[in-house]
């Protein structure tokens, strides 16, 4: 007798060498419905309903603010460069 065939611990199991009996594709038939996961399209309503959908794109306010910061930063760098040059 092979010592690997014995299970000294009651909770341990050896992995089976083949598929479980009664599972899998029967000969000459397709995959049974219980064997396949649900399709992606069937999960569209699974999550919470999203009610807040902001408009796409930037509004005028943030663009003007970012532009002003960029212009002020550029002017300060230009002023430092002129001061170093003189």
PDB file of N, CA and C in Angstrom:
ATOM      1  N   UNK A   1       0.844  -1.178   0.000  1.00  0.00           N
ATOM      2  CA  UNK A   1       0.000   0.000   0.000  1.00  0.00           C
ATOM      3  C   UNK A   1       0.890   1.241   0.000  1.00  0.00           C
ATOM      4  N   UNK A   2       0.506   2.202  -0.768  1.00  0.00           N
ATOM      5  CA  UNK A   2       1.258   3.444  -0.896  1.00  0.00           C
ATOM      6  C   UNK A   2       0.901   4.364   0.271  1.00  0.00           C
ATOM      7  N   UNK A   3       1.881   4.944   0.974  1.00  0.00           N
ATOM      8  CA  UNK A   3       1.552   5.831   2.099  1.00  0.00           C
ATOM      9  C   UNK A   3       0.846   7.112   1.649  1.00  0.00           C
ATOM     10  N   UNK A   4       0.951   7.501   0.379  1.00  0.00           N
ATOM     11  CA  UNK A   4       0.270   8.701  -0.103  1.00  0.00           C
ATOM     12  C   UNK A   4      -1.233   8.468  -0.251  1.00  0.00           C
ATOM     13  N   UNK A   5      -1.656   7.201  -0.346  1.00  0.00           N
ATOM     14  CA  UNK A   5      -3.078   6.894  -0.494  1.00  0.00           C
ATOM     15  C   UNK A   5      -3.831   7.027   0.814  1.00  0.00           C
ATOM     16  N   UNK A   6      -3.123   6.980   1.918  1.00  0.00           N
ATOM     17  CA  UNK A   6      -3.778   7.067   3.218  1.00  0.00           C
ATOM     18  C   UNK A   6      -3.979   8.529   3.597  1.00  0.00           C
ATOM     19  N   UNK A   7      -5.085   8.819   4.267  1.00  0.00           N
ATOM     20  CA  UNK A   7      -5.363  10.164   4.770  1.00  0.00           C
ATOM     21  C   UNK A   7      -5.253  10.140   6.283  1.00  0.00           C
ATOM     22  N   UNK A   8      -4.103  10.551   6.847  1.00  0.00           N
ATOM     23  CA  UNK A   8      -3.973  10.513   8.301  1.00  0.00           C
ATOM     24  C   UNK A   8      -4.867  11.539   8.984  1.00  0.00           C
ATOM     25  N   UNK A   9      -5.172  12.653   8.329  1.00  0.00           N
ATOM     26  CA  UNK A   9      -6.034  13.668   8.922  1.00  0.00           C
ATOM     27  C   UNK A   9      -7.432  13.524   8.339  1.00  0.00           C
ATOM     28  N   UNK A  10      -8.462  13.572   9.186  1.00  0.00           N
ATOM     29  CA  UNK A  10      -9.815  13.369   8.670  1.00  0.00           C
ATOM     30  C   UNK A  10     -10.284  14.467   7.718  1.00  0.00           C
ATOM     31  N   UNK A  11      -9.803  15.709   7.849  1.00  0.00           N
ATOM     32  CA  UNK A  11     -10.273  16.801   7.003  1.00  0.00           C
ATOM     33  C   UNK A  11      -9.507  16.949   5.702  1.00  0.00           C
ATOM     34  N   UNK A  12      -8.424  16.190   5.527  1.00  0.00           N
ATOM     35  CA  UNK A  12      -7.618  16.366   4.317  1.00  0.00           C
ATOM     36  C   UNK A  12      -8.146  15.489   3.195  1.00  0.00           C
ATOM     37  N   UNK A  13      -8.093  16.033   1.990  1.00  0.00           N
ATOM     38  CA  UNK A  13      -8.519  15.298   0.795  1.00  0.00           C
ATOM     39  C   UNK A  13      -7.469  15.469  -0.277  1.00  0.00           C
ATOM     40  N   UNK A  14      -7.258  14.442  -1.037  1.00  0.00           N
ATOM     41  CA  UNK A  14      -6.380  14.545  -2.195  1.00  0.00           C
ATOM     42  C   UNK A  14      -7.177  15.129  -3.343  1.00  0.00           C
ATOM     43  N   UNK A  15      -6.573  15.967  -4.150  1.00  0.00           N
ATOM     44  CA  UNK A  15      -7.302  16.480  -5.307  1.00  0.00           C
ATOM     45  C   UNK A  15      -7.636  15.342  -6.260  1.00  0.00           C
ATOM     46  N   UNK A  16      -8.819  15.392  -6.807  1.00  0.00           N
ATOM     47  CA  UNK A  16      -9.234  14.328  -7.715  1.00  0.00           C
ATOM     48  C   UNK A  16      -8.488  14.464  -9.031  1.00  0.00           C
ATOM     49  N   UNK A  17      -8.329  13.363  -9.701  1.00  0.00           N
ATOM     50  CA  UNK A  17      -7.595  13.374 -10.955  1.00  0.00           C
ATOM     51  C   UNK A  17      -8.478  13.755 -12.132  1.00  0.00           C
ATOM     52  N   UNK A  18      -9.777  13.790 -11.964  1.00  0.00           N
ATOM     53  CA  UNK A  18     -10.668  14.113 -13.072  1.00  0.00           C
ATOM     54  C   UNK A  18     -11.807  14.997 -12.608  1.00  0.00           C
ATOM     55  N   UNK A  19     -12.738  15.296 -13.503  1.00  0.00           N
ATOM     56  CA  UNK A  19     -13.876  16.137 -13.114  1.00  0.00           C
ATOM     57  C   UNK A  19     -14.815  15.409 -12.166  1.00  0.00           C
ATOM     58  N   UNK A  20     -15.587  16.184 -11.427  1.00  0.00           N
ATOM     59  CA  UNK A  20     -16.547  15.591 -10.504  1.00  0.00           C
ATOM     60  C   UNK A  20     -17.606  14.835 -11.288  1.00  0.00           C
ATOM     61  N   UNK A  21     -18.062  13.723 -10.774  1.00  0.00           N
ATOM     62  CA  UNK A  21     -19.121  13.001 -11.479  1.00  0.00           C
ATOM     63  C   UNK A  21     -20.415  13.817 -11.489  1.00  0.00           C
ATOM     64  N   UNK A  22     -21.092  13.835 -12.598  1.00  0.00           N
ATOM     65  CA  UNK A  22     -22.347  14.562 -12.718  1.00  0.00           C
ATOM     66  C   UNK A  22     -22.171  16.012 -13.096  1.00  0.00           C
ATOM     67  N   UNK A  23     -20.954  16.470 -13.268  1.00  0.00           N
ATOM     68  CA  UNK A  23     -20.685  17.861 -13.634  1.00  0.00           C
ATOM     69  C   UNK A  23     -20.022  17.879 -15.008  1.00  0.00           C
ATOM     70  N   UNK A  24     -20.047  19.020 -15.648  1.00  0.00           N
ATOM     71  CA  UNK A  24     -19.385  19.152 -16.931  1.00  0.00           C
ATOM     72  C   UNK A  24     -20.353  18.998 -18.089  1.00  0.00           C
ATOM     73  N   UNK A  25     -19.810  18.944 -19.268  1.00  0.00           N
ATOM     74  CA  UNK A  25     -20.616  18.858 -20.484  1.00  0.00           C
ATOM     75  C   UNK A  25     -20.955  17.400 -20.755  1.00  0.00           C
ATOM     76  N   UNK A  26     -22.250  17.079 -20.812  1.00  0.00           N
ATOM     77  CA  UNK A  26     -22.624  15.714 -21.173  1.00  0.00           C
ATOM     78  C   UNK A  26     -22.246  15.441 -22.626  1.00  0.00           C
ATOM     79  N   UNK A  27     -21.933  14.211 -22.954  1.00  0.00           N
ATOM     80  CA  UNK A  27     -21.560  13.900 -24.335  1.00  0.00           C
ATOM     81  C   UNK A  27     -22.706  14.230 -25.296  1.00  0.00           C
ATOM     82  N   UNK A  28     -22.391  14.985 -26.340  1.00  0.00           N
ATOM     83  CA  UNK A  28     -23.386  15.318 -27.353  1.00  0.00           C
ATOM     84  C   UNK A  28     -24.281  16.491 -26.998  1.00  0.00           C
ATOM     85  N   UNK A  29     -24.039  17.161 -25.886  1.00  0.00           N
ATOM     86  CA  UNK A  29     -24.881  18.288 -25.472  1.00  0.00           C
ATOM     87  C   UNK A  29     -24.014  19.506 -25.196  1.00  0.00           C
ATOM     88  N   UNK A  30     -24.640  20.675 -25.067  1.00  0.00           N
ATOM     89  CA  UNK A  30     -23.926  21.907 -24.749  1.00  0.00           C
ATOM     90  C   UNK A  30     -23.693  22.029 -23.256  1.00  0.00           C
ATOM     91  N   UNK A  31     -23.213  23.163 -22.858  1.00  0.00           N
ATOM     92  CA  UNK A  31     -22.943  23.425 -21.447  1.00  0.00           C
ATOM     93  C   UNK A  31     -24.265  23.682 -20.735  1.00  0.00           C
ATOM     94  N   UNK A  32     -24.528  23.013 -19.605  1.00  0.00           N
ATOM     95  CA  UNK A  32     -25.773  23.260 -18.878  1.00  0.00           C
ATOM     96  C   UNK A  32     -25.785  24.673 -18.289  1.00  0.00           C
ATOM     97  N   UNK A  33     -26.956  25.289 -18.123  1.00  0.00           N
ATOM     98  CA  UNK A  33     -27.033  26.671 -17.635  1.00  0.00           C
ATOM     99  C   UNK A  33     -26.394  26.884 -16.266  1.00  0.00           C
ATOM    100  N   UNK A  34     -26.415  25.924 -15.398  1.00  0.00           N
ATOM    101  CA  UNK A  34     -25.845  26.096 -14.056  1.00  0.00           C
ATOM    102  C   UNK A  34     -24.321  26.162 -14.089  1.00  0.00           C
ATOM    103  N   UNK A  35     -23.702  25.775 -15.176  1.00  0.00           N
ATOM    104  CA  UNK A  35     -22.247  25.741 -15.281  1.00  0.00           C
ATOM    105  C   UNK A  35     -21.650  27.054 -15.773  1.00  0.00           C
ATOM    106  N   UNK A  36     -22.450  27.955 -16.323  1.00  0.00           N
ATOM    107  CA  UNK A  36     -21.913  29.172 -16.923  1.00  0.00           C
ATOM    108  C   UNK A  36     -22.213  30.385 -16.048  1.00  0.00           C
ATOM    109  N   UNK A  37     -21.295  31.355 -15.980  1.00  0.00           N
ATOM    110  CA  UNK A  37     -21.570  32.579 -15.223  1.00  0.00           C
ATOM    111  C   UNK A  37     -22.553  33.463 -15.980  1.00  0.00           C
ATOM    112  N   UNK A  38     -23.196  34.404 -15.289  1.00  0.00           N
ATOM    113  CA  UNK A  38     -24.115  35.303 -15.994  1.00  0.00           C
ATOM    114  C   UNK A  38     -23.348  36.217 -16.936  1.00  0.00           C
ATOM    115  N   UNK A  39     -23.986  36.597 -18.016  1.00  0.00           N
ATOM    116  CA  UNK A  39     -23.369  37.496 -18.980  1.00  0.00           C
ATOM    117  C   UNK A  39     -23.281  38.902 -18.429  1.00  0.00           C
ATOM    118  N   UNK A  40     -22.424  39.714 -19.015  1.00  0.00           N
ATOM    119  CA  UNK A  40     -22.246  41.087 -18.536  1.00  0.00           C
ATOM    120  C   UNK A  40     -23.506  41.915 -18.703  1.00  0.00           C
ATOM    121  N   UNK A  41     -24.242  41.667 -19.765  1.00  0.00           N
ATOM    122  CA  UNK A  41     -25.431  42.483 -19.995  1.00  0.00           C
ATOM    123  C   UNK A  41     -26.517  42.205 -18.960  1.00  0.00           C
ATOM    124  N   UNK A  42     -26.458  41.066 -18.309  1.00  0.00           N
ATOM    125  CA  UNK A  42     -27.479  40.773 -17.311  1.00  0.00           C
ATOM    126  C   UNK A  42     -27.187  41.450 -15.972  1.00  0.00           C
ATOM    127  N   UNK A  43     -26.031  42.076 -15.835  1.00  0.00           N
ATOM    128  CA  UNK A  43     -25.638  42.696 -14.571  1.00  0.00           C
ATOM    129  C   UNK A  43     -25.801  44.218 -14.597  1.00  0.00           C
ATOM    130  N   UNK A  44     -26.493  44.776 -15.588  1.00  0.00           N
ATOM    131  CA  UNK A  44     -26.571  46.230 -15.695  1.00  0.00           C
ATOM    132  C   UNK A  44     -27.323  46.852 -14.529  1.00  0.00           C
ATOM    133  N   UNK A  45     -28.321  46.215 -14.007  1.00  0.00           N
ATOM    134  CA  UNK A  45     -29.093  46.789 -12.919  1.00  0.00           C
ATOM    135  C   UNK A  45     -28.655  46.329 -11.552  1.00  0.00           C
ATOM    136  N   UNK A  46     -27.462  45.741 -11.437  1.00  0.00           N
ATOM    137  CA  UNK A  46     -27.037  45.171 -10.168  1.00  0.00           C
ATOM    138  C   UNK A  46     -26.554  46.224  -9.174  1.00  0.00           C
ATOM    139  N   UNK A  47     -25.997  47.313  -9.646  1.00  0.00           N
ATOM    140  CA  UNK A  47     -25.437  48.319  -8.748  1.00  0.00           C
ATOM    141  C   UNK A  47     -26.461  49.357  -8.347  1.00  0.00           C
ATOM    142  N   UNK A  48     -26.040  50.294  -7.497  1.00  0.00           N
ATOM    143  CA  UNK A  48     -26.959  51.365  -7.106  1.00  0.00           C
ATOM    144  C   UNK A  48     -27.220  52.297  -8.286  1.00  0.00           C
ATOM    145  N   UNK A  49     -28.352  52.916  -8.272  1.00  0.00           N
ATOM    146  CA  UNK A  49     -28.719  53.815  -9.361  1.00  0.00           C
ATOM    147  C   UNK A  49     -27.910  55.102  -9.240  1.00  0.00           C
ATOM    148  N   UNK A  50     -27.285  55.494 -10.322  1.00  0.00           N
ATOM    149  CA  UNK A  50     -26.475  56.704 -10.321  1.00  0.00           C
ATOM    150  C   UNK A  50     -27.344  57.868 -10.768  1.00  0.00           C
ATOM    151  N   UNK A  51     -27.581  58.794  -9.837  1.00  0.00           N
ATOM    152  CA  UNK A  51     -28.470  59.910 -10.144  1.00  0.00           C
ATOM    153  C   UNK A  51     -27.711  61.196 -10.424  1.00  0.00           C
ATOM    154  N   UNK A  52     -26.444  61.292  -9.992  1.00  0.00           N
ATOM    155  CA  UNK A  52     -25.669  62.517 -10.200  1.00  0.00           C
ATOM    156  C   UNK A  52     -24.783  62.330 -11.422  1.00  0.00           C
ATOM    157  N   UNK A  53     -25.139  62.937 -12.513  1.00  0.00           N
ATOM    158  CA  UNK A  53     -24.346  62.884 -13.735  1.00  0.00           C
ATOM    159  C   UNK A  53     -23.994  64.306 -14.143  1.00  0.00           C
ATOM    160  N   UNK A  54     -22.818  64.796 -13.726  1.00  0.00           N
ATOM    161  CA  UNK A  54     -22.463  66.177 -14.069  1.00  0.00           C
ATOM    162  C   UNK A  54     -22.223  66.318 -15.571  1.00  0.00           C
ATOM    163  N   UNK A  55     -22.340  67.549 -16.045  1.00  0.00           N
ATOM    164  CA  UNK A  55     -22.100  67.820 -17.460  1.00  0.00           C
ATOM    165  C   UNK A  55     -20.633  67.577 -17.789  1.00  0.00           C
ATOM    166  N   UNK A  56     -20.396  67.126 -18.973  1.00  0.00           N
ATOM    167  CA  UNK A  56     -19.026  66.856 -19.396  1.00  0.00           C
ATOM    168  C   UNK A  56     -18.358  68.166 -19.818  1.00  0.00           C
ATOM    169  N   UNK A  57     -17.051  68.233 -19.674  1.00  0.00           N
ATOM    170  CA  UNK A  57     -16.313  69.419 -20.085  1.00  0.00           C
ATOM    171  C   UNK A  57     -16.089  70.376 -18.924  1.00  0.00           C
ATOM    172  N   UNK A  58     -15.340  71.432 -19.206  1.00  0.00           N
ATOM    173  CA  UNK A  58     -15.006  72.426 -18.197  1.00  0.00           C
ATOM    174  C   UNK A  58     -15.910  73.634 -18.364  1.00  0.00           C
ATOM    175  N   UNK A  59     -16.298  74.200 -17.248  1.00  0.00           N
ATOM    176  CA  UNK A  59     -17.074  75.442 -17.313  1.00  0.00           C
ATOM    177  C   UNK A  59     -16.108  76.620 -17.422  1.00  0.00           C
ATOM    178  N   UNK A  60     -16.627  77.811 -17.633  1.00  0.00           N
ATOM    179  CA  UNK A  60     -15.783  78.995 -17.852  1.00  0.00           C
ATOM    180  C   UNK A  60     -15.003  79.394 -16.601  1.00  0.00           C
ATOM    181  N   UNK A  61     -15.615  79.270 -15.436  1.00  0.00           N
ATOM    182  CA  UNK A  61     -14.967  79.704 -14.194  1.00  0.00           C
ATOM    183  C   UNK A  61     -13.645  79.013 -13.918  1.00  0.00           C
ATOM    184  N   UNK A  62     -13.605  77.683 -13.877  1.00  0.00           N
ATOM    185  CA  UNK A  62     -12.325  77.012 -13.615  1.00  0.00           C
ATOM    186  C   UNK A  62     -11.275  77.282 -14.686  1.00  0.00           C
ATOM    187  N   UNK A  63     -11.693  77.394 -15.944  1.00  0.00           N
ATOM    188  CA  UNK A  63     -10.720  77.676 -16.999  1.00  0.00           C
ATOM    189  C   UNK A  63     -10.109  79.063 -16.844  1.00  0.00           C
ATOM    190  N   UNK A  64     -10.915  80.055 -16.483  1.00  0.00           N
ATOM    191  CA  UNK A  64     -10.400  81.414 -16.271  1.00  0.00           C
ATOM    192  C   UNK A  64      -9.449  81.436 -15.078  1.00  0.00           C
ATOM    193  N   UNK A  65      -9.805  80.738 -14.005  1.00  0.00           N
ATOM    194  CA  UNK A  65      -8.955  80.689 -12.816  1.00  0.00           C
ATOM    195  C   UNK A  65      -7.611  80.024 -13.120  1.00  0.00           C
ATOM    196  N   UNK A  66      -7.635  78.910 -13.826  1.00  0.00           N
ATOM    197  CA  UNK A  66      -6.386  78.221 -14.175  1.00  0.00           C
ATOM    198  C   UNK A  66      -5.541  79.101 -15.092  1.00  0.00           C
ATOM    199  N   UNK A  67      -6.181  79.749 -16.050  1.00  0.00           N
ATOM    200  CA  UNK A  67      -5.451  80.648 -16.951  1.00  0.00           C
ATOM    201  C   UNK A  67      -4.804  81.794 -16.204  1.00  0.00           C
ATOM    202  N   UNK A  68      -5.513  82.382 -15.234  1.00  0.00           N
ATOM    203  CA  UNK A  68      -4.959  83.492 -14.452  1.00  0.00           C
ATOM    204  C   UNK A  68      -3.752  83.039 -13.640  1.00  0.00           C
ATOM    205  N   UNK A  69      -3.821  81.850 -13.053  1.00  0.00           N
ATOM    206  CA  UNK A  69      -2.694  81.329 -12.269  1.00  0.00           C
ATOM    207  C   UNK A  69      -1.490  81.104 -13.178  1.00  0.00           C
ATOM    208  N   UNK A  70      -1.716  80.562 -14.359  1.00  0.00           N
ATOM    209  CA  UNK A  70      -0.613  80.316 -15.299  1.00  0.00           C
ATOM    210  C   UNK A  70       0.027  81.635 -15.734  1.00  0.00           C
ATOM    211  N   UNK A  71      -0.792  82.647 -16.026  1.00  0.00           N
ATOM    212  CA  UNK A  71      -0.260  83.947 -16.451  1.00  0.00           C
ATOM    213  C   UNK A  71       0.537  84.594 -15.322  1.00  0.00           C
ATOM    214  N   UNK A  72       0.029  84.569 -14.100  1.00  0.00           N
ATOM    215  CA  UNK A  72       0.756  85.160 -12.967  1.00  0.00           C
ATOM    216  C   UNK A  72       2.076  84.435 -12.710  1.00  0.00           C
ATOM    217  N   UNK A  73       2.073  83.126 -12.811  1.00  0.00           N
ATOM    218  CA  UNK A  73       3.298  82.354 -12.611  1.00  0.00           C
ATOM    219  C   UNK A  73       4.311  82.677 -13.704  1.00  0.00           C
ATOM    220  N   UNK A  74       3.844  82.776 -14.934  1.00  0.00           N
ATOM    221  CA  UNK A  74       4.743  83.105 -16.050  1.00  0.00           C
ATOM    222  C   UNK A  74       5.335  84.500 -15.886  1.00  0.00           C
ATOM    223  N   UNK A  75       4.509  85.457 -15.473  1.00  0.00           N
ATOM    224  CA  UNK A  75       5.010  86.821 -15.260  1.00  0.00           C
ATOM    225  C   UNK A  75       6.036  86.872 -14.130  1.00  0.00           C
ATOM    226  N   UNK A  76       5.817  86.088 -13.079  1.00  0.00           N
ATOM    227  CA  UNK A  76       6.785  86.093 -11.974  1.00  0.00           C
ATOM    228  C   UNK A  76       8.106  85.470 -12.417  1.00  0.00           C
ATOM    229  N   UNK A  77       8.069  84.415 -13.220  1.00  0.00           N
ATOM    230  CA  UNK A  77       9.310  83.831 -13.733  1.00  0.00           C
ATOM    231  C   UNK A  77      10.028  84.807 -14.662  1.00  0.00           C
ATOM    232  N   UNK A  78       9.268  85.515 -15.482  1.00  0.00           N
ATOM    233  CA  UNK A  78       9.857  86.505 -16.378  1.00  0.00           C
ATOM    234  C   UNK A  78      10.507  87.642 -15.579  1.00  0.00           C
ATOM    235  N   UNK A  79       9.846  88.081 -14.522  1.00  0.00           N
ATOM    236  CA  UNK A  79      10.401  89.151 -13.684  1.00  0.00           C
ATOM    237  C   UNK A  79      11.691  88.697 -13.011  1.00  0.00           C
ATOM    238  N   UNK A  80      11.742  87.445 -12.541  1.00  0.00           N
ATOM    239  CA  UNK A  80      12.976  86.938 -11.924  1.00  0.00           C
ATOM    240  C   UNK A  80      14.096  86.839 -12.952  1.00  0.00           C
ATOM    241  N   UNK A  81      13.775  86.434 -14.169  1.00  0.00           N
ATOM    242  CA  UNK A  81      14.796  86.324 -15.215  1.00  0.00           C
ATOM    243  C   UNK A  81      15.340  87.696 -15.581  1.00  0.00           C
ATOM    244  N   UNK A  82      14.476  88.711 -15.675  1.00  0.00           N
ATOM    245  CA  UNK A  82      14.920  90.068 -16.000  1.00  0.00           C
ATOM    246  C   UNK A  82      15.786  90.615 -14.874  1.00  0.00           C
ATOM    247  N   UNK A  83      15.422  90.345 -13.630  1.00  0.00           N
ATOM    248  CA  UNK A  83      16.196  90.836 -12.486  1.00  0.00           C
ATOM    249  C   UNK A  83      17.585  90.206 -12.459  1.00  0.00           C
ATOM    250  N   UNK A  84      17.691  88.925 -12.793  1.00  0.00           N
ATOM    251  CA  UNK A  84      18.994  88.266 -12.822  1.00  0.00           C
ATOM    252  C   UNK A  84      19.841  88.774 -13.983  1.00  0.00           C
ATOM    253  N   UNK A  85      19.228  89.145 -15.063  1.00  0.00           N
ATOM    254  CA  UNK A  85      19.954  89.590 -16.248  1.00  0.00           C
ATOM    255  C   UNK A  85      20.532  90.981 -16.059  1.00  0.00           C
ATOM    256  N   UNK A  86      19.818  91.808 -15.301  1.00  0.00           N
ATOM    257  CA  UNK A  86      20.279  93.189 -15.098  1.00  0.00           C
ATOM    258  C   UNK A  86      21.324  93.283 -14.056  1.00  0.00           C
TER     259      UNK A  86
END
